Amino acid sequence: KWSFEYMRQVAGNKTVPLYDDRPVHHKDGFNEPHATM
């Protein structure tokens, strides 16, 4: 069952935390996301 399309169906309206590979900055909290979507 678990595919991108299934996740879109069951969780498409959820706001999710996003991270990328930017260097750590002192203002970043511990495991703080870089964006949401």
PDB file of all heavy atoms in Angstrom:
ATOM      1  N   LYS A   1       0.799  -1.230   0.000  1.00  0.00           N
ATOM      2  CA  LYS A   1       0.000   0.000   0.000  1.00  0.00           C
ATOM      3  C   LYS A   1       0.828   1.275   0.000  1.00  0.00           C
ATOM      4  O   LYS A   1       0.455   2.269  -0.632  1.00  0.00           O
ATOM      5  CB  LYS A   1      -0.926   0.030   1.230  1.00  0.00           C
ATOM      6  CG  LYS A   1      -2.091  -0.922   1.173  1.00  0.00           C
ATOM      7  CD  LYS A   1      -2.810  -1.003   2.515  1.00  0.00           C
ATOM      8  CE  LYS A   1      -3.446   0.307   2.929  1.00  0.00           C
ATOM      9  NZ  LYS A   1      -4.201   0.162   4.203  1.00  0.00           N
ATOM     10  N   TRP A   2       1.945   1.260   0.729  1.00  0.00           N
ATOM     11  CA  TRP A   2       2.658   2.511   0.962  1.00  0.00           C
ATOM     12  C   TRP A   2       3.417   2.950  -0.290  1.00  0.00           C
ATOM     13  O   TRP A   2       4.417   2.348  -0.675  1.00  0.00           O
ATOM     14  CB  TRP A   2       3.605   2.384   2.141  1.00  0.00           C
ATOM     15  CG  TRP A   2       2.890   2.430   3.465  1.00  0.00           C
ATOM     16  CD1 TRP A   2       1.558   2.244   3.679  1.00  0.00           C
ATOM     17  CD2 TRP A   2       3.465   2.661   4.749  1.00  0.00           C
ATOM     18  NE1 TRP A   2       1.262   2.346   5.015  1.00  0.00           N
ATOM     19  CE2 TRP A   2       2.421   2.607   5.699  1.00  0.00           C
ATOM     20  CE3 TRP A   2       4.759   2.911   5.195  1.00  0.00           C
ATOM     21  CZ2 TRP A   2       2.631   2.783   7.067  1.00  0.00           C
ATOM     22  CZ3 TRP A   2       4.981   3.084   6.549  1.00  0.00           C
ATOM     23  CH2 TRP A   2       3.927   3.027   7.469  1.00  0.00           C
ATOM     24  N   SER A   3       2.916   3.989  -0.901  1.00  0.00           N
ATOM     25  CA  SER A   3       3.511   4.597  -2.084  1.00  0.00           C
ATOM     26  C   SER A   3       3.365   6.102  -1.932  1.00  0.00           C
ATOM     27  O   SER A   3       2.700   6.593  -1.012  1.00  0.00           O
ATOM     28  CB  SER A   3       2.776   4.127  -3.341  1.00  0.00           C
ATOM     29  OG  SER A   3       1.416   4.570  -3.304  1.00  0.00           O
ATOM     30  N   PHE A   4       3.933   6.858  -2.851  1.00  0.00           N
ATOM     31  CA  PHE A   4       3.754   8.310  -2.801  1.00  0.00           C
ATOM     32  C   PHE A   4       2.280   8.678  -2.933  1.00  0.00           C
ATOM     33  O   PHE A   4       1.782   9.573  -2.250  1.00  0.00           O
ATOM     34  CB  PHE A   4       4.567   8.989  -3.905  1.00  0.00           C
ATOM     35  CG  PHE A   4       6.053   8.957  -3.669  1.00  0.00           C
ATOM     36  CD1 PHE A   4       6.918   8.478  -4.632  1.00  0.00           C
ATOM     37  CD2 PHE A   4       6.594   9.421  -2.477  1.00  0.00           C
ATOM     38  CE1 PHE A   4       8.280   8.460  -4.420  1.00  0.00           C
ATOM     39  CE2 PHE A   4       7.959   9.405  -2.250  1.00  0.00           C
ATOM     40  CZ  PHE A   4       8.812   8.917  -3.228  1.00  0.00           C
ATOM     41  N   GLU A   5       1.572   7.963  -3.814  1.00  0.00           N
ATOM     42  CA  GLU A   5       0.164   8.294  -4.035  1.00  0.00           C
ATOM     43  C   GLU A   5      -0.670   7.995  -2.787  1.00  0.00           C
ATOM     44  O   GLU A   5      -1.555   8.768  -2.418  1.00  0.00           O
ATOM     45  CB  GLU A   5      -0.383   7.513  -5.232  1.00  0.00           C
ATOM     46  CG  GLU A   5      -1.777   7.928  -5.655  1.00  0.00           C
ATOM     47  CD  GLU A   5      -1.907   9.438  -5.869  1.00  0.00           C
ATOM     48  OE1 GLU A   5      -1.018  10.038  -6.488  1.00  0.00           O
ATOM     49  OE2 GLU A   5      -2.910  10.013  -5.385  1.00  0.00           O
ATOM     50  N   TYR A   6      -0.372   6.889  -2.110  1.00  0.00           N
ATOM     51  CA  TYR A   6      -1.106   6.558  -0.892  1.00  0.00           C
ATOM     52  C   TYR A   6      -0.843   7.597   0.198  1.00  0.00           C
ATOM     53  O   TYR A   6      -1.764   8.033   0.913  1.00  0.00           O
ATOM     54  CB  TYR A   6      -0.704   5.163  -0.411  1.00  0.00           C
ATOM     55  CG  TYR A   6      -1.460   4.689   0.810  1.00  0.00           C
ATOM     56  CD1 TYR A   6      -2.829   4.458   0.755  1.00  0.00           C
ATOM     57  CD2 TYR A   6      -0.810   4.468   2.022  1.00  0.00           C
ATOM     58  CE1 TYR A   6      -3.534   4.026   1.875  1.00  0.00           C
ATOM     59  CE2 TYR A   6      -1.494   4.028   3.142  1.00  0.00           C
ATOM     60  CZ  TYR A   6      -2.857   3.816   3.062  1.00  0.00           C
ATOM     61  OH  TYR A   6      -3.541   3.389   4.179  1.00  0.00           O
ATOM     62  N   MET A   7       0.419   8.006   0.332  1.00  0.00           N
ATOM     63  CA  MET A   7       0.741   9.036   1.323  1.00  0.00           C
ATOM     64  C   MET A   7       0.051  10.356   0.983  1.00  0.00           C
ATOM     65  O   MET A   7      -0.375  11.099   1.871  1.00  0.00           O
ATOM     66  CB  MET A   7       2.258   9.233   1.416  1.00  0.00           C
ATOM     67  CG  MET A   7       2.985   8.055   2.034  1.00  0.00           C
ATOM     68  SD  MET A   7       2.471   7.785   3.759  1.00  0.00           S
ATOM     69  CE  MET A   7       3.191   6.156   4.063  1.00  0.00           C
ATOM     70  N   ARG A   8      -0.081  10.631  -0.293  1.00  0.00           N
ATOM     71  CA  ARG A   8      -0.790  11.842  -0.706  1.00  0.00           C
ATOM     72  C   ARG A   8      -2.262  11.769  -0.284  1.00  0.00           C
ATOM     73  O   ARG A   8      -2.850  12.753   0.156  1.00  0.00           O
ATOM     74  CB  ARG A   8      -0.666  12.011  -2.216  1.00  0.00           C
ATOM     75  CG  ARG A   8      -1.212  13.337  -2.752  1.00  0.00           C
ATOM     76  CD  ARG A   8      -1.060  13.446  -4.260  1.00  0.00           C
ATOM     77  NE  ARG A   8       0.273  13.907  -4.638  1.00  0.00           N
ATOM     78  CZ  ARG A   8       1.206  13.147  -5.184  1.00  0.00           C
ATOM     79  NH1 ARG A   8       0.965  11.863  -5.414  1.00  0.00           N
ATOM     80  NH2 ARG A   8       2.384  13.645  -5.510  1.00  0.00           N
ATOM     81  N   GLN A   9      -2.854  10.584  -0.374  1.00  0.00           N
ATOM     82  CA  GLN A   9      -4.266  10.402  -0.020  1.00  0.00           C
ATOM     83  C   GLN A   9      -4.492  10.561   1.482  1.00  0.00           C
ATOM     84  O   GLN A   9      -5.430  11.228   1.909  1.00  0.00           O
ATOM     85  CB  GLN A   9      -4.743   9.022  -0.469  1.00  0.00           C
ATOM     86  CG  GLN A   9      -4.861   8.840  -1.971  1.00  0.00           C
ATOM     87  CD  GLN A   9      -5.169   7.394  -2.339  1.00  0.00           C
ATOM     88  OE1 GLN A   9      -5.650   6.625  -1.499  1.00  0.00           O
ATOM     89  NE2 GLN A   9      -4.877   7.018  -3.570  1.00  0.00           N
ATOM     90  N   VAL A  10      -3.632   9.926   2.290  1.00  0.00           N
ATOM     91  CA  VAL A  10      -3.897   9.884   3.732  1.00  0.00           C
ATOM     92  C   VAL A  10      -3.276  11.053   4.496  1.00  0.00           C
ATOM     93  O   VAL A  10      -3.683  11.337   5.624  1.00  0.00           O
ATOM     94  CB  VAL A  10      -3.414   8.545   4.354  1.00  0.00           C
ATOM     95  CG1 VAL A  10      -4.147   7.376   3.744  1.00  0.00           C
ATOM     96  CG2 VAL A  10      -1.905   8.377   4.231  1.00  0.00           C
ATOM     97  N   ALA A  11      -2.292  11.719   3.897  1.00  0.00           N
ATOM     98  CA  ALA A  11      -1.579  12.770   4.645  1.00  0.00           C
ATOM     99  C   ALA A  11      -1.347  14.029   3.826  1.00  0.00           C
ATOM    100  O   ALA A  11      -0.594  14.906   4.252  1.00  0.00           O
ATOM    101  CB  ALA A  11      -0.231  12.223   5.128  1.00  0.00           C
ATOM    102  N   GLY A  12      -2.015  14.143   2.671  1.00  0.00           N
ATOM    103  CA  GLY A  12      -1.748  15.267   1.779  1.00  0.00           C
ATOM    104  C   GLY A  12      -1.988  16.628   2.388  1.00  0.00           C
ATOM    105  O   GLY A  12      -1.329  17.616   2.026  1.00  0.00           O
ATOM    106  N   ASN A  13      -2.917  16.703   3.344  1.00  0.00           N
ATOM    107  CA  ASN A  13      -3.240  18.014   3.944  1.00  0.00           C
ATOM    108  C   ASN A  13      -2.400  18.329   5.182  1.00  0.00           C
ATOM    109  O   ASN A  13      -2.550  19.394   5.777  1.00  0.00           O
ATOM    110  CB  ASN A  13      -4.729  18.073   4.315  1.00  0.00           C
ATOM    111  CG  ASN A  13      -5.093  17.068   5.399  1.00  0.00           C
ATOM    112  OD1 ASN A  13      -4.373  16.082   5.595  1.00  0.00           O
ATOM    113  ND2 ASN A  13      -6.181  17.305   6.096  1.00  0.00           N
ATOM    114  N   LYS A  14      -1.511  17.410   5.573  1.00  0.00           N
ATOM    115  CA  LYS A  14      -0.664  17.638   6.744  1.00  0.00           C
ATOM    116  C   LYS A  14       0.490  18.577   6.393  1.00  0.00           C
ATOM    117  O   LYS A  14       1.046  18.517   5.298  1.00  0.00           O
ATOM    118  CB  LYS A  14      -0.091  16.320   7.264  1.00  0.00           C
ATOM    119  CG  LYS A  14      -1.134  15.327   7.755  1.00  0.00           C
ATOM    120  CD  LYS A  14      -1.759  15.811   9.052  1.00  0.00           C
ATOM    121  CE  LYS A  14      -2.752  14.788   9.596  1.00  0.00           C
ATOM    122  NZ  LYS A  14      -3.383  15.251  10.835  1.00  0.00           N
ATOM    123  N   THR A  15       0.841  19.437   7.345  1.00  0.00           N
ATOM    124  CA  THR A  15       2.029  20.276   7.188  1.00  0.00           C
ATOM    125  C   THR A  15       3.230  19.507   7.725  1.00  0.00           C
ATOM    126  O   THR A  15       3.212  19.024   8.863  1.00  0.00           O
ATOM    127  CB  THR A  15       1.870  21.599   7.953  1.00  0.00           C
ATOM    128  OG1 THR A  15       0.749  22.313   7.405  1.00  0.00           O
ATOM    129  CG2 THR A  15       3.118  22.446   7.821  1.00  0.00           C
ATOM    130  N   VAL A  16       4.271  19.372   6.895  1.00  0.00           N
ATOM    131  CA  VAL A  16       5.410  18.529   7.275  1.00  0.00           C
ATOM    132  C   VAL A  16       6.673  19.377   7.426  1.00  0.00           C
ATOM    133  O   VAL A  16       6.854  20.394   6.745  1.00  0.00           O
ATOM    134  CB  VAL A  16       5.646  17.418   6.224  1.00  0.00           C
ATOM    135  CG1 VAL A  16       4.478  16.440   6.227  1.00  0.00           C
ATOM    136  CG2 VAL A  16       5.851  17.988   4.822  1.00  0.00           C
ATOM    137  N   PRO A  17       7.575  18.964   8.354  1.00  0.00           N
ATOM    138  CA  PRO A  17       8.848  19.677   8.554  1.00  0.00           C
ATOM    139  C   PRO A  17       9.849  19.252   7.497  1.00  0.00           C
ATOM    140  O   PRO A  17       9.969  18.063   7.172  1.00  0.00           O
ATOM    141  CB  PRO A  17       9.283  19.207   9.944  1.00  0.00           C
ATOM    142  CG  PRO A  17       8.711  17.825  10.055  1.00  0.00           C
ATOM    143  CD  PRO A  17       7.426  17.834   9.276  1.00  0.00           C
ATOM    144  N   LEU A  18      10.586  20.203   6.944  1.00  0.00           N
ATOM    145  CA  LEU A  18      11.553  19.907   5.890  1.00  0.00           C
ATOM    146  C   LEU A  18      12.950  20.359   6.302  1.00  0.00           C
ATOM    147  O   LEU A  18      13.123  21.395   6.943  1.00  0.00           O
ATOM    148  CB  LEU A  18      11.148  20.604   4.589  1.00  0.00           C
ATOM    149  CG  LEU A  18       9.782  20.217   4.016  1.00  0.00           C
ATOM    150  CD1 LEU A  18       9.474  21.055   2.784  1.00  0.00           C
ATOM    151  CD2 LEU A  18       9.725  18.737   3.685  1.00  0.00           C
ATOM    152  N   TYR A  19      13.938  19.573   5.897  1.00  0.00           N
ATOM    153  CA  TYR A  19      15.339  19.845   6.187  1.00  0.00           C
ATOM    154  C   TYR A  19      16.133  19.760   4.894  1.00  0.00           C
ATOM    155  O   TYR A  19      15.772  19.007   3.986  1.00  0.00           O
ATOM    156  CB  TYR A  19      15.896  18.813   7.183  1.00  0.00           C
ATOM    157  CG  TYR A  19      15.162  18.769   8.505  1.00  0.00           C
ATOM    158  CD1 TYR A  19      13.956  18.083   8.622  1.00  0.00           C
ATOM    159  CD2 TYR A  19      15.678  19.404   9.629  1.00  0.00           C
ATOM    160  CE1 TYR A  19      13.271  18.054   9.825  1.00  0.00           C
ATOM    161  CE2 TYR A  19      15.006  19.366  10.841  1.00  0.00           C
ATOM    162  CZ  TYR A  19      13.805  18.692  10.934  1.00  0.00           C
ATOM    163  OH  TYR A  19      13.134  18.659  12.128  1.00  0.00           O
ATOM    164  N   ASP A  20      17.233  20.515   4.812  1.00  0.00           N
ATOM    165  CA  ASP A  20      18.120  20.372   3.665  1.00  0.00           C
ATOM    166  C   ASP A  20      19.549  20.233   4.168  1.00  0.00           C
ATOM    167  O   ASP A  20      19.765  19.961   5.349  1.00  0.00           O
ATOM    168  CB  ASP A  20      17.952  21.530   2.672  1.00  0.00           C
ATOM    169  CG  ASP A  20      18.206  22.899   3.306  1.00  0.00           C
ATOM    170  OD1 ASP A  20      18.948  22.963   4.314  1.00  0.00           O
ATOM    171  OD2 ASP A  20      17.660  23.893   2.803  1.00  0.00           O
ATOM    172  N   ASP A  21      20.536  20.403   3.275  1.00  0.00           N
ATOM    173  CA  ASP A  21      21.922  20.163   3.676  1.00  0.00           C
ATOM    174  C   ASP A  21      22.699  21.453   3.914  1.00  0.00           C
ATOM    175  O   ASP A  21      23.919  21.470   3.820  1.00  0.00           O
ATOM    176  CB  ASP A  21      22.640  19.290   2.641  1.00  0.00           C
ATOM    177  CG  ASP A  21      22.639  19.928   1.249  1.00  0.00           C
ATOM    178  OD1 ASP A  21      22.078  21.028   1.092  1.00  0.00           O
ATOM    179  OD2 ASP A  21      23.198  19.321   0.319  1.00  0.00           O
ATOM    180  N   ARG A  22      21.994  22.534   4.256  1.00  0.00           N
ATOM    181  CA  ARG A  22      22.700  23.781   4.567  1.00  0.00           C
ATOM    182  C   ARG A  22      23.531  23.606   5.833  1.00  0.00           C
ATOM    183  O   ARG A  22      23.164  22.812   6.723  1.00  0.00           O
ATOM    184  CB  ARG A  22      21.707  24.933   4.735  1.00  0.00           C
ATOM    185  CG  ARG A  22      20.892  24.889   6.013  1.00  0.00           C
ATOM    186  CD  ARG A  22      19.815  25.961   6.047  1.00  0.00           C
ATOM    187  NE  ARG A  22      18.753  25.701   5.077  1.00  0.00           N
ATOM    188  CZ  ARG A  22      17.696  26.480   4.899  1.00  0.00           C
ATOM    189  NH1 ARG A  22      17.542  27.560   5.652  1.00  0.00           N
ATOM    190  NH2 ARG A  22      16.782  26.176   3.996  1.00  0.00           N
ATOM    191  N   PRO A  23      24.657  24.330   5.946  1.00  0.00           N
ATOM    192  CA  PRO A  23      25.477  24.227   7.163  1.00  0.00           C
ATOM    193  C   PRO A  23      24.689  24.657   8.404  1.00  0.00           C
ATOM    194  O   PRO A  23      23.793  25.503   8.327  1.00  0.00           O
ATOM    195  CB  PRO A  23      26.629  25.204   6.887  1.00  0.00           C
ATOM    196  CG  PRO A  23      26.663  25.363   5.412  1.00  0.00           C
ATOM    197  CD  PRO A  23      25.245  25.215   4.947  1.00  0.00           C
ATOM    198  N   VAL A  24      25.035  24.060   9.533  1.00  0.00           N
ATOM    199  CA  VAL A  24      24.392  24.419  10.795  1.00  0.00           C
ATOM    200  C   VAL A  24      24.671  25.887  11.105  1.00  0.00           C
ATOM    201  O   VAL A  24      25.795  26.371  10.965  1.00  0.00           O
ATOM    202  CB  VAL A  24      24.913  23.530  11.940  1.00  0.00           C
ATOM    203  CG1 VAL A  24      24.407  24.030  13.281  1.00  0.00           C
ATOM    204  CG2 VAL A  24      24.487  22.087  11.719  1.00  0.00           C
ATOM    205  N   HIS A  25      23.642  26.598  11.514  1.00  0.00           N
ATOM    206  CA  HIS A  25      23.770  28.004  11.902  1.00  0.00           C
ATOM    207  C   HIS A  25      23.422  28.130  13.378  1.00  0.00           C
ATOM    208  O   HIS A  25      22.586  27.369  13.893  1.00  0.00           O
ATOM    209  CB  HIS A  25      22.834  28.881  11.059  1.00  0.00           C
ATOM    210  CG  HIS A  25      23.070  30.352  11.190  1.00  0.00           C
ATOM    211  ND1 HIS A  25      22.488  31.116  12.198  1.00  0.00           N
ATOM    212  CD2 HIS A  25      23.845  31.199  10.467  1.00  0.00           C
ATOM    213  CE1 HIS A  25      22.896  32.365  12.071  1.00  0.00           C
ATOM    214  NE2 HIS A  25      23.715  32.457  11.030  1.00  0.00           N
ATOM    215  N   HIS A  26      24.038  29.109  14.052  1.00  0.00           N
ATOM    216  CA  HIS A  26      23.836  29.209  15.496  1.00  0.00           C
ATOM    217  C   HIS A  26      22.392  29.516  15.875  1.00  0.00           C
ATOM    218  O   HIS A  26      21.957  29.226  16.986  1.00  0.00           O
ATOM    219  CB  HIS A  26      24.759  30.277  16.093  1.00  0.00           C
ATOM    220  CG  HIS A  26      24.357  31.691  15.804  1.00  0.00           C
ATOM    221  ND1 HIS A  26      24.660  32.331  14.620  1.00  0.00           N
ATOM    222  CD2 HIS A  26      23.660  32.590  16.545  1.00  0.00           C
ATOM    223  CE1 HIS A  26      24.187  33.555  14.652  1.00  0.00           C
ATOM    224  NE2 HIS A  26      23.569  33.742  15.804  1.00  0.00           N
ATOM    225  N   LYS A  27      21.626  30.080  14.944  1.00  0.00           N
ATOM    226  CA  LYS A  27      20.229  30.393  15.244  1.00  0.00           C
ATOM    227  C   LYS A  27      19.311  29.177  15.103  1.00  0.00           C
ATOM    228  O   LYS A  27      18.148  29.225  15.505  1.00  0.00           O
ATOM    229  CB  LYS A  27      19.736  31.524  14.340  1.00  0.00           C
ATOM    230  CG  LYS A  27      20.385  32.865  14.637  1.00  0.00           C
ATOM    231  CD  LYS A  27      19.823  33.976  13.765  1.00  0.00           C
ATOM    232  CE  LYS A  27      20.473  35.314  14.082  1.00  0.00           C
ATOM    233  NZ  LYS A  27      19.967  36.399  13.193  1.00  0.00           N
ATOM    234  N   ASP A  28      19.829  28.098  14.507  1.00  0.00           N
ATOM    235  CA  ASP A  28      19.014  26.888  14.350  1.00  0.00           C
ATOM    236  C   ASP A  28      18.882  26.186  15.695  1.00  0.00           C
ATOM    237  O   ASP A  28      19.884  25.933  16.373  1.00  0.00           O
ATOM    238  CB  ASP A  28      19.664  25.909  13.360  1.00  0.00           C
ATOM    239  CG  ASP A  28      19.749  26.479  11.956  1.00  0.00           C
ATOM    240  OD1 ASP A  28      18.923  27.347  11.637  1.00  0.00           O
ATOM    241  OD2 ASP A  28      20.628  26.046  11.191  1.00  0.00           O
ATOM    242  N   GLY A  29      17.661  25.863  16.086  1.00  0.00           N
ATOM    243  CA  GLY A  29      17.454  25.055  17.280  1.00  0.00           C
ATOM    244  C   GLY A  29      17.792  23.605  17.011  1.00  0.00           C
ATOM    245  O   GLY A  29      18.027  23.197  15.871  1.00  0.00           O
ATOM    246  N   PHE A  30      17.813  22.789  18.059  1.00  0.00           N
ATOM    247  CA  PHE A  30      18.137  21.377  17.911  1.00  0.00           C
ATOM    248  C   PHE A  30      17.052  20.702  17.064  1.00  0.00           C
ATOM    249  O   PHE A  30      15.881  20.712  17.411  1.00  0.00           O
ATOM    250  CB  PHE A  30      18.238  20.712  19.284  1.00  0.00           C
ATOM    251  CG  PHE A  30      18.781  19.315  19.238  1.00  0.00           C
ATOM    252  CD1 PHE A  30      20.145  19.103  19.215  1.00  0.00           C
ATOM    253  CD2 PHE A  30      17.930  18.226  19.191  1.00  0.00           C
ATOM    254  CE1 PHE A  30      20.660  17.817  19.156  1.00  0.00           C
ATOM    255  CE2 PHE A  30      18.432  16.947  19.136  1.00  0.00           C
ATOM    256  CZ  PHE A  30      19.805  16.738  19.121  1.00  0.00           C
ATOM    257  N   ASN A  31      17.463  20.141  15.911  1.00  0.00           N
ATOM    258  CA  ASN A  31      16.541  19.473  14.971  1.00  0.00           C
ATOM    259  C   ASN A  31      15.408  20.394  14.506  1.00  0.00           C
ATOM    260  O   ASN A  31      14.301  19.937  14.210  1.00  0.00           O
ATOM    261  CB  ASN A  31      15.945  18.202  15.583  1.00  0.00           C
ATOM    262  CG  ASN A  31      16.890  17.019  15.470  1.00  0.00           C
ATOM    263  OD1 ASN A  31      17.862  17.056  14.727  1.00  0.00           O
ATOM    264  ND2 ASN A  31      16.594  15.965  16.211  1.00  0.00           N
ATOM    265  N   GLU A  32      15.679  21.683  14.424  1.00  0.00           N
ATOM    266  CA  GLU A  32      14.652  22.620  13.972  1.00  0.00           C
ATOM    267  C   GLU A  32      14.558  22.594  12.448  1.00  0.00           C
ATOM    268  O   GLU A  32      15.578  22.676  11.760  1.00  0.00           O
ATOM    269  CB  GLU A  32      15.022  24.031  14.446  1.00  0.00           C
ATOM    270  CG  GLU A  32      13.985  25.086  14.120  1.00  0.00           C
ATOM    271  CD  GLU A  32      14.375  26.438  14.686  1.00  0.00           C
ATOM    272  OE1 GLU A  32      14.725  26.484  15.884  1.00  0.00           O
ATOM    273  OE2 GLU A  32      14.351  27.432  13.936  1.00  0.00           O
ATOM    274  N   PRO A  33      13.344  22.456  11.876  1.00  0.00           N
ATOM    275  CA  PRO A  33      13.227  22.358  10.412  1.00  0.00           C
ATOM    276  C   PRO A  33      13.612  23.660   9.718  1.00  0.00           C
ATOM    277  O   PRO A  33      13.513  24.751  10.289  1.00  0.00           O
ATOM    278  CB  PRO A  33      11.751  22.029  10.195  1.00  0.00           C
ATOM    279  CG  PRO A  33      11.056  22.494  11.420  1.00  0.00           C
ATOM    280  CD  PRO A  33      12.037  22.348  12.542  1.00  0.00           C
ATOM    281  N   HIS A  34      14.056  23.529   8.467  1.00  0.00           N
ATOM    282  CA  HIS A  34      14.435  24.690   7.661  1.00  0.00           C
ATOM    283  C   HIS A  34      13.236  25.270   6.909  1.00  0.00           C
ATOM    284  O   HIS A  34      13.276  26.411   6.454  1.00  0.00           O
ATOM    285  CB  HIS A  34      15.517  24.293   6.664  1.00  0.00           C
ATOM    286  CG  HIS A  34      16.768  23.796   7.308  1.00  0.00           C
ATOM    287  ND1 HIS A  34      17.419  22.647   6.917  1.00  0.00           N
ATOM    288  CD2 HIS A  34      17.481  24.289   8.364  1.00  0.00           C
ATOM    289  CE1 HIS A  34      18.482  22.468   7.669  1.00  0.00           C
ATOM    290  NE2 HIS A  34      18.541  23.438   8.558  1.00  0.00           N
ATOM    291  N   ALA A  35      12.180  24.477   6.752  1.00  0.00           N
ATOM    292  CA  ALA A  35      10.982  24.946   6.049  1.00  0.00           C
ATOM    293  C   ALA A  35       9.840  24.000   6.391  1.00  0.00           C
ATOM    294  O   ALA A  35      10.040  22.933   6.996  1.00  0.00           O
ATOM    295  CB  ALA A  35      11.215  24.958   4.538  1.00  0.00           C
ATOM    296  N   THR A  36       8.632  24.407   6.055  1.00  0.00           N
ATOM    297  CA  THR A  36       7.469  23.523   6.163  1.00  0.00           C
ATOM    298  C   THR A  36       6.676  23.607   4.858  1.00  0.00           C
ATOM    299  O   THR A  36       6.791  24.581   4.113  1.00  0.00           O
ATOM    300  CB  THR A  36       6.561  23.909   7.344  1.00  0.00           C
ATOM    301  OG1 THR A  36       6.127  25.261   7.177  1.00  0.00           O
ATOM    302  CG2 THR A  36       7.280  23.765   8.674  1.00  0.00           C
ATOM    303  N   MET A  37       5.856  22.592   4.609  1.00  0.00           N
ATOM    304  CA  MET A  37       5.094  22.522   3.368  1.00  0.00           C
ATOM    305  C   MET A  37       3.958  21.526   3.558  1.00  0.00           C
ATOM    306  O   MET A  37       4.066  20.611   4.391  1.00  0.00           O
ATOM    307  CB  MET A  37       6.027  22.055   2.239  1.00  0.00           C
ATOM    308  CG  MET A  37       5.516  22.217   0.826  1.00  0.00           C
ATOM    309  SD  MET A  37       6.744  21.623  -0.416  1.00  0.00           S
ATOM    310  CE  MET A  37       8.018  22.880  -0.265  1.00  0.00           C
TER     311      MET A  37
END
